[in-house]
Structures are given as structure tokens and as C-alpha cells.
Protein backbone atom coordinates (compact mmCIF):
# COMPACT_ATOMS: atom_id res chain seq x y z
CA MET A 1 -7.08 -0.10 -8.10
CA ILE A 2 -5.72 -1.96 -11.39
CA ARG A 3 -7.53 -2.09 -14.46
CA ALA A 4 -8.76 -5.69 -14.07
CA ASN A 5 -10.50 -4.61 -10.84
CA ILE A 6 -12.46 -2.04 -12.10
CA ILE A 7 -13.57 -3.88 -15.17
CA GLY A 8 -14.41 -6.83 -12.79
CA VAL A 9 -16.43 -4.47 -10.64
CA ALA A 10 -17.97 -2.61 -13.43
CA ILE A 11 -19.40 -6.19 -14.85
CA CYS A 12 -20.53 -7.39 -11.48
CA ALA A 13 -22.39 -4.03 -11.16
CA VAL A 14 -23.90 -4.13 -14.33
CA ILE A 15 -24.96 -7.91 -13.93
CA PHE A 16 -26.45 -6.72 -10.23
CA ILE A 17 -28.53 -3.97 -11.56
CA ALA A 18 -29.61 -6.07 -14.48
CA ALA A 19 -30.89 -8.71 -11.71
CA PHE A 20 -33.47 -5.89 -10.58
CA LEU A 21 -34.24 -4.80 -13.87
CA ILE A 22 -35.50 -8.27 -14.66
CA THR A 23 -38.63 -7.51 -12.67
CA GLY A 24 -39.69 -4.81 -14.89
CA ASN A 25 -40.07 -2.29 -12.59
CA ALA A 26 -36.78 -0.90 -11.68
CA ALA A 27 -38.21 2.32 -10.31
CA ALA A 28 -39.80 0.34 -7.37
CA TYR A 29 -36.25 -0.34 -5.95
CA LEU A 30 -35.56 3.62 -5.84
CA ASN A 31 -36.75 5.13 -2.75
CA VAL A 32 -35.30 8.52 -1.26
CA GLU A 33 -36.39 8.12 2.03
CA ALA A 34 -34.87 4.69 2.66
CA CYS A 35 -31.54 5.99 1.45
CA MET A 36 -31.69 8.88 3.69
CA VAL A 37 -32.37 6.82 6.89
CA VAL A 38 -29.63 4.42 6.00
CA VAL A 39 -26.86 6.98 4.97
CA SER A 40 -27.55 9.55 7.49
CA GLY A 41 -27.90 6.94 10.25
CA THR A 42 -24.80 5.30 9.45
CA PHE A 43 -22.62 8.37 8.95
CA GLY A 44 -24.43 10.06 12.07
CA ALA A 45 -23.17 7.02 14.19
CA ALA A 46 -19.83 7.34 12.80
CA LEU A 47 -19.43 10.88 13.86
CA LEU A 48 -20.68 9.98 17.32
CA SER A 49 -17.94 7.12 17.33
CA TYR A 50 -14.82 9.08 16.05
CA PRO A 51 -13.50 12.73 15.71
CA TYR A 52 -14.03 14.36 12.52
CA ASP A 53 -10.17 14.44 11.86
CA HIS A 54 -9.99 10.67 12.19
CA LEU A 55 -12.92 10.45 9.61
CA LYS A 56 -11.38 12.48 7.20
CA THR A 57 -7.82 10.66 7.51
CA ALA A 58 -9.82 7.45 7.10
CA TYR A 59 -11.29 8.81 3.78
CA TYR A 60 -7.97 9.88 2.50
CA VAL A 61 -6.39 6.46 3.36
CA ALA A 62 -9.12 4.69 1.70
CA LYS A 63 -8.76 6.89 -1.41
CA GLY A 64 -5.23 6.40 -1.38
CA THR A 65 -5.49 2.69 -1.30
CA TYR A 66 -7.39 2.65 -4.37
CA THR A 67 -5.41 5.28 -6.40
CA HIS A 68 -2.11 4.35 -5.36
CA PRO A 69 -0.47 1.18 -6.74
CA GLY A 70 1.50 0.85 -3.71
CA THR A 71 5.33 -0.11 -3.23
CA ASP A 72 6.78 -2.52 -6.03
CA PRO A 73 9.13 -5.22 -3.80
CA ASP A 74 10.74 -5.73 -6.98
CA ALA A 75 11.59 -2.06 -7.18
CA VAL A 76 12.93 -2.12 -3.52
CA ILE A 77 14.95 -5.22 -3.86
CA GLY A 78 16.73 -3.64 -7.03
CA VAL A 79 17.70 -0.41 -4.83
CA LEU A 80 19.01 -2.49 -2.26
CA LEU A 81 20.77 -4.78 -4.19
CA ASP A 82 22.31 -1.74 -6.41
CA THR A 83 23.24 -0.01 -3.03
CA ALA A 84 24.88 -3.29 -1.69
CA ILE A 85 27.08 -3.68 -4.60
CA ARG A 86 27.69 0.14 -4.95
CA SER A 87 28.72 0.40 -1.35
CA ARG A 88 31.65 -2.02 -2.09
CA LEU A 89 32.93 0.24 -4.65
CA ASP A 90 31.95 3.73 -3.17
CA GLY A 91 31.45 3.20 0.63
CA LEU A 92 29.32 5.61 2.31
CA ALA A 93 29.02 7.84 -0.70
CA ALA A 94 26.86 5.30 -2.57
CA MET A 95 24.18 4.83 0.28
CA GLU A 96 23.97 8.70 0.64
CA LYS A 97 23.48 8.87 -3.14
CA ALA A 98 20.72 6.07 -2.91
CA GLY A 99 19.02 7.78 -0.08
CA GLU A 100 18.82 10.82 -2.15
CA GLN A 101 17.48 9.27 -5.34
CA THR A 102 14.55 7.31 -4.02
CA THR A 103 10.90 8.20 -3.05
CA MET A 104 9.89 6.02 -0.70
CA HIS A 105 10.14 7.47 2.76
CA PHE A 106 11.03 4.28 4.77
CA LEU A 107 13.69 3.50 2.47
CA ARG A 108 15.22 6.63 2.36
CA GLY A 109 15.36 6.72 6.26
CA ALA A 110 16.75 3.36 6.25
CA LEU A 111 19.53 4.38 3.86
CA ASN A 112 20.32 7.50 5.44
CA MET A 113 20.44 5.53 8.74
CA LEU A 114 23.15 3.38 7.10
CA ALA A 115 25.05 6.26 5.54
CA ASP A 116 24.90 8.02 9.11
CA ASN A 117 26.73 4.50 10.34
CA TYR A 118 23.88 3.69 13.04
CA PRO A 119 24.51 0.34 14.67
CA GLU A 120 22.69 -2.76 13.47
CA HIS A 121 20.39 -2.97 16.24
CA GLU A 122 19.48 0.50 16.45
CA ILE A 123 18.29 0.26 12.76
CA ARG A 124 16.22 -2.51 13.51
CA ASP A 125 14.91 -0.94 16.59
CA ILE A 126 13.85 2.37 15.03
CA LEU A 127 12.41 0.75 11.63
CA ALA A 128 10.47 -1.87 13.56
CA THR A 129 8.99 1.19 16.06
CA GLU A 130 7.96 2.85 12.92
CA ILE A 131 6.39 -0.30 11.40
CA HIS A 132 4.48 -0.92 14.49
CA PHE A 133 2.98 2.35 14.59
CA PHE A 134 2.19 2.35 10.65
CA ARG A 135 0.12 -0.72 11.04
CA THR A 136 -1.61 0.97 14.24
CA ARG A 137 -2.77 3.81 12.58
CA ARG A 138 -3.93 1.72 9.79
CA MET A 139 -6.00 -0.44 11.78
CA GLN A 140 -7.64 2.38 13.28
CA GLN A 141 -8.70 3.54 9.70
CA GLU A 142 -9.71 0.35 8.72
CA ARG A 143 -12.01 0.39 11.98
CA VAL A 144 -13.76 3.43 11.04
CA PHE A 145 -14.95 1.52 7.68
CA ARG A 146 -15.77 -1.86 9.74
CA SER A 147 -17.89 0.00 12.26
CA MET A 148 -19.94 1.87 9.41
CA ALA A 149 -20.44 -1.66 7.66
CA THR A 150 -21.81 -2.64 10.99
CA TYR A 151 -23.98 0.21 11.50
CA ALA A 152 -25.40 0.18 7.95
CA PRO A 153 -27.74 -3.00 7.94
CA ALA A 154 -28.94 -1.65 11.59
CA PHE A 155 -30.16 1.47 10.02
CA GLY A 156 -31.72 -0.52 7.10
CA LEU A 157 -33.51 -2.39 9.75
CA ALA A 158 -34.55 0.73 11.53
CA GLY A 159 -35.89 1.98 8.00
CA SER A 160 -37.96 -0.89 7.80
CA VAL A 161 -39.25 -0.38 11.41
CA ILE A 162 -40.15 3.50 10.27
CA GLY A 163 -42.05 2.08 7.41
CA LEU A 164 -44.04 -0.36 9.30
CA ILE A 165 -45.11 2.14 12.00
CA GLY A 166 -46.11 4.23 9.04
CA LEU A 167 -47.99 1.29 7.45
CA LEU A 168 -49.81 0.46 10.60
CA ILE A 169 -50.80 4.28 11.10
CA GLY A 170 -52.35 4.56 7.64
CA LEU A 171 -54.09 1.19 7.55
CA GLY A 172 -57.44 2.79 6.68
CA ASP A 173 -55.74 4.55 3.65
CA THR A 174 -54.39 2.68 0.82
CA GLY A 175 -52.48 5.49 -0.29
CA GLU A 176 -50.37 5.82 2.84
CA VAL A 177 -49.97 1.94 3.13
CA LEU A 178 -48.44 2.03 -0.58
CA ARG A 179 -46.42 4.61 0.45
CA PHE A 180 -44.92 3.11 3.34
CA ILE A 181 -44.30 -0.39 2.01
CA PRO A 182 -41.42 0.47 0.16
CA ILE A 183 -39.83 2.32 2.81
CA ALA A 184 -40.20 -0.81 4.97
CA LEU A 185 -38.84 -3.49 2.62
CA ILE A 186 -36.04 -1.27 0.70
CA SER A 187 -34.41 0.17 3.95
CA THR A 188 -33.11 -3.14 4.77
CA LEU A 189 -31.97 -3.97 1.33
CA TYR A 190 -30.16 -0.55 1.20
CA GLY A 191 -28.45 -1.19 4.47
CA ILE A 192 -27.15 -4.43 3.39
CA LEU A 193 -26.03 -3.33 0.18
CA PHE A 194 -24.10 -0.14 1.75
CA GLY A 195 -22.51 -2.20 4.53
CA ASN A 196 -21.22 -5.26 2.42
CA PHE A 197 -20.81 -3.78 -1.23
CA VAL A 198 -19.38 -0.54 -0.23
CA LEU A 199 -17.86 -0.29 3.26
CA THR A 200 -16.72 -3.67 4.18
CA PRO A 201 -14.67 -4.11 0.79
CA VAL A 202 -13.10 -0.59 1.66
CA ALA A 203 -12.08 -1.85 4.96
CA GLU A 204 -10.68 -5.11 3.36
CA ASN A 205 -8.70 -3.42 0.92
CA ILE A 206 -7.03 -1.12 3.37
CA ARG A 207 -6.15 -4.19 5.29
CA GLY A 208 -4.84 -5.90 2.12
CA LYS A 209 -2.64 -2.64 1.40
CA THR A 210 -1.16 -2.30 4.79
CA ASP A 211 -0.11 -6.23 5.08
CA ARG A 212 1.41 -5.63 1.59
CA GLU A 213 3.46 -2.17 2.91
CA VAL A 214 4.45 -4.03 6.13
CA LEU A 215 5.94 -6.66 4.15
CA VAL A 216 7.84 -4.48 1.88
CA GLN A 217 8.92 -2.50 4.90
CA GLN A 218 10.33 -5.84 6.47
CA LEU A 219 12.30 -6.44 3.37
CA ILE A 220 13.75 -3.15 3.77
CA ILE A 221 14.86 -3.79 7.30
CA GLU A 222 16.46 -7.23 6.55
CA GLY A 223 18.10 -5.70 3.28
CA VAL A 224 19.58 -2.69 5.08
CA CYS A 225 20.76 -4.88 8.01
CA ALA A 226 22.31 -7.25 5.69
CA ILE A 227 24.28 -4.44 3.98
CA LYS A 228 25.26 -2.85 7.32
CA THR A 229 27.04 -6.50 8.25
CA GLU A 230 28.65 -6.30 4.69
CA ALA A 231 26.91 -9.40 3.53
CA ASN A 232 27.76 -10.63 0.19
CA PRO A 233 25.32 -9.51 -2.46
CA HIS A 234 24.78 -13.08 -3.34
CA ILE A 235 23.57 -13.56 0.27
CA LEU A 236 21.36 -10.84 0.41
CA GLU A 237 19.72 -11.32 -3.05
CA LYS A 238 18.90 -15.02 -1.80
CA ARG A 239 17.47 -13.42 1.42
CA LEU A 240 15.50 -10.77 -0.06
CA THR A 241 13.99 -12.79 -2.88
CA SER A 242 12.57 -14.91 -0.09
CA PHE A 243 9.90 -12.27 0.52
CA LEU A 244 8.64 -12.81 -3.08
CA THR A 245 6.68 -15.13 -4.86
CA PRO A 246 8.47 -17.99 -6.91
CA ALA A 247 7.24 -16.37 -10.00
CA SER A 248 8.80 -13.09 -9.05
CA ARG A 249 12.03 -14.56 -7.87
CA ARG A 250 13.24 -15.18 -11.54
CA ASP A 251 12.93 -11.85 -12.55
CA SER A 252 14.77 -10.67 -9.79
CA GLN A 253 17.40 -13.19 -10.30
CA GLU A 254 17.92 -11.87 -13.72
CA ASN A 255 17.98 -8.23 -12.70
CA PHE A 256 20.52 -9.15 -9.99
CA ALA A 257 22.80 -10.79 -12.74
CA GLU A 258 22.70 -7.49 -15.06
CA LEU A 259 23.33 -5.46 -12.03
CA ARG A 260 26.61 -7.63 -11.06
CA LYS A 261 27.70 -7.52 -14.70
CA LYS A 262 27.26 -3.69 -14.59
CA TYR A 263 29.38 -3.07 -11.36
CA VAL A 264 32.05 -5.65 -12.63
CA LYS A 265 32.28 -3.65 -15.54
CA ILE A 266 32.87 -0.47 -13.60
CA ALA A 267 35.22 -2.08 -11.19
CA GLN A 268 37.53 -3.25 -14.02
CA GLN A 269 37.40 0.12 -15.80
CA ARG A 270 38.48 1.58 -12.77
CA ARG A 271 41.27 -0.70 -11.98
CA GLU A 272 42.43 -0.13 -15.61
CA ALA A 273 42.12 3.41 -14.89
CA GLU A 274 44.47 3.23 -11.68
CA GLU A 275 47.04 1.10 -13.46
CA LEU A 276 47.26 3.71 -16.18
CA ALA A 277 47.34 6.51 -13.75
CA ALA A 278 50.12 4.23 -11.64
CA ARG A 279 52.12 3.69 -14.87
CA THR A 280 51.89 7.43 -16.13
CA ALA A 281 53.47 8.34 -12.68
CA ALA A 282 56.09 5.80 -12.72
CA GLY A 283 57.03 6.90 -16.25
CA GLY A 284 57.15 10.48 -15.38
CA ALA A 285 59.27 9.66 -12.02
CA SER A 286 61.97 7.88 -14.20
CA ALA A 287 62.10 10.38 -16.64
CA LYS A 288 62.96 13.01 -13.81
CA THR A 289 65.31 10.40 -12.40
CA GLN A 290 67.13 10.18 -15.89
CA ALA A 291 67.20 13.81 -16.37
CA ARG A 292 68.68 14.45 -12.99
CA ARG A 293 71.62 11.82 -13.98
């Protein structure tokens, strides 16, 4: 989660809590029994719905979506453009080197397939299959939190029913009535808050990060296949930047111009070195010829 999100959540939470403090009796909104009913019921229903390993995986995925910033499309485009230009100079060696240097599993696999000279249709098929199952796994983990978000308000209502039953049983005792009224009212509040302020946002965050990752993976497929067909780097740059917002395309174009200048300079240095070596070899051969004469 970026700093702006954290600051925004903190401000909203403070305002939200302040709305309860304005009443002058904040302790009235704290009820352990209501919290126990909502939390235990929600997680109990989740354990009945999904295997424990599935719930554990969903937790780690949710944690990762908030702690890991995700793959930067600009960085991926930079790697692909760099590989496309270098491959014109170094051939397969450039792809192998790029695959070793990248830390992104999907991109490394795609570049390794390029280096191993896989046909284009097989590269597309393999990577598209990987995207499909990645999305399927993420949808399952998202479903866990959406299910829990559905359970929480229901168990809040169940807590209210428990409070009302206790209230009816203790109608003759004022102390019992006062003890059960908070349970009856606050349980529903806890259920709504837990479902809509915690669980639903987590599910939405998983979906948003999944869509972003899939977009980057599709970008990689297009880039790798364009390199495979030996597309002109200018064409590749236009194709890849179509995945970006207009504001991001300007930075990508500037980076591409810098990359092109860099490798043009390297190519010129190589040509000069080859010409110097050729002249040296020619001079040595003429010297031997003259010595023989």
C-alpha cells in the first residue's frame, strides 16, 4: 500500500471514530460479547466453506497485495526494449543475459523461451495458459474474502437476535435488560463494519492487483512475440506503450530514445573496432608479403 493510501485510511478512521466519540460515551460502543459473536461466526463459517490451506493462502495473498507494490509496467517495457535492441547486436546471448538479470518470474520464463528458440505460437500458448491459471487462483482467494464479507453482517444480525432473546428472558430484571441491549444493537454494527470496512476492501484490493498483474503479463506476451518476429524496435515501442496511460507514454518514449542512443553508440564502437582490426590484419598481411619478396 502506498503512503497516500495509508494516510487516507488513517484520516478516515480518525473521523469515523470521532463520530462515535461525539456522543460523549465511547465505551457504549465497545462490547466484547458482540465482537465474539461476529468474529467467531465469520471465521467459523469460512472454515466450514474452505480448506484451512486455502484460507492460509488467501491471507498471504492479501498481505502481499498490501505490502508488495506490484510489477511496474514501465520497468517491464524498459527490459523488453533493451532486449529487443541488444538482440540485434548480440543475438540469443542478449536474451539469455536479460532472463538471468530480471527478478520477475513470468518475464524470466518468457525471455528464456525466446533464448531457447520456441515458436511464437507455443510462447503465446504457454504464457496465456499461465495467465489463465494465475487469474483463476487469485479469483479463488478473492472469493474467500467476499464470502466472509457476506457472513459478517449475517452474524451481526445473529448477535442482535441473541441480545433480544436475553433481553426478553430478563424483562423482570433491569440489570439483565441493560446488559443485553448493547449486544442486541452493537452486534449488527460490528457485522456491518467488519464486512464493509475490512473484508470487502481486501477482496477489491486483490482483484485490482490481479488485473494489474494480468495487464503486465499480457504486455510481456506482446513484447516477447514481437521480439521473436524481429519487429522493428520503434514498432515494438509503439505496441508496448499502448498498454500505458498517455501520461506514462511520454516517459517511456524518452527512455526508449536514451536506449537507442546508447546502443547506436555501442554499435559504432564495435564497427570501428572491427575496421581497426581489419586494417591491422591487412597491414600485417602486406608486411609479410613484402618480407617474402
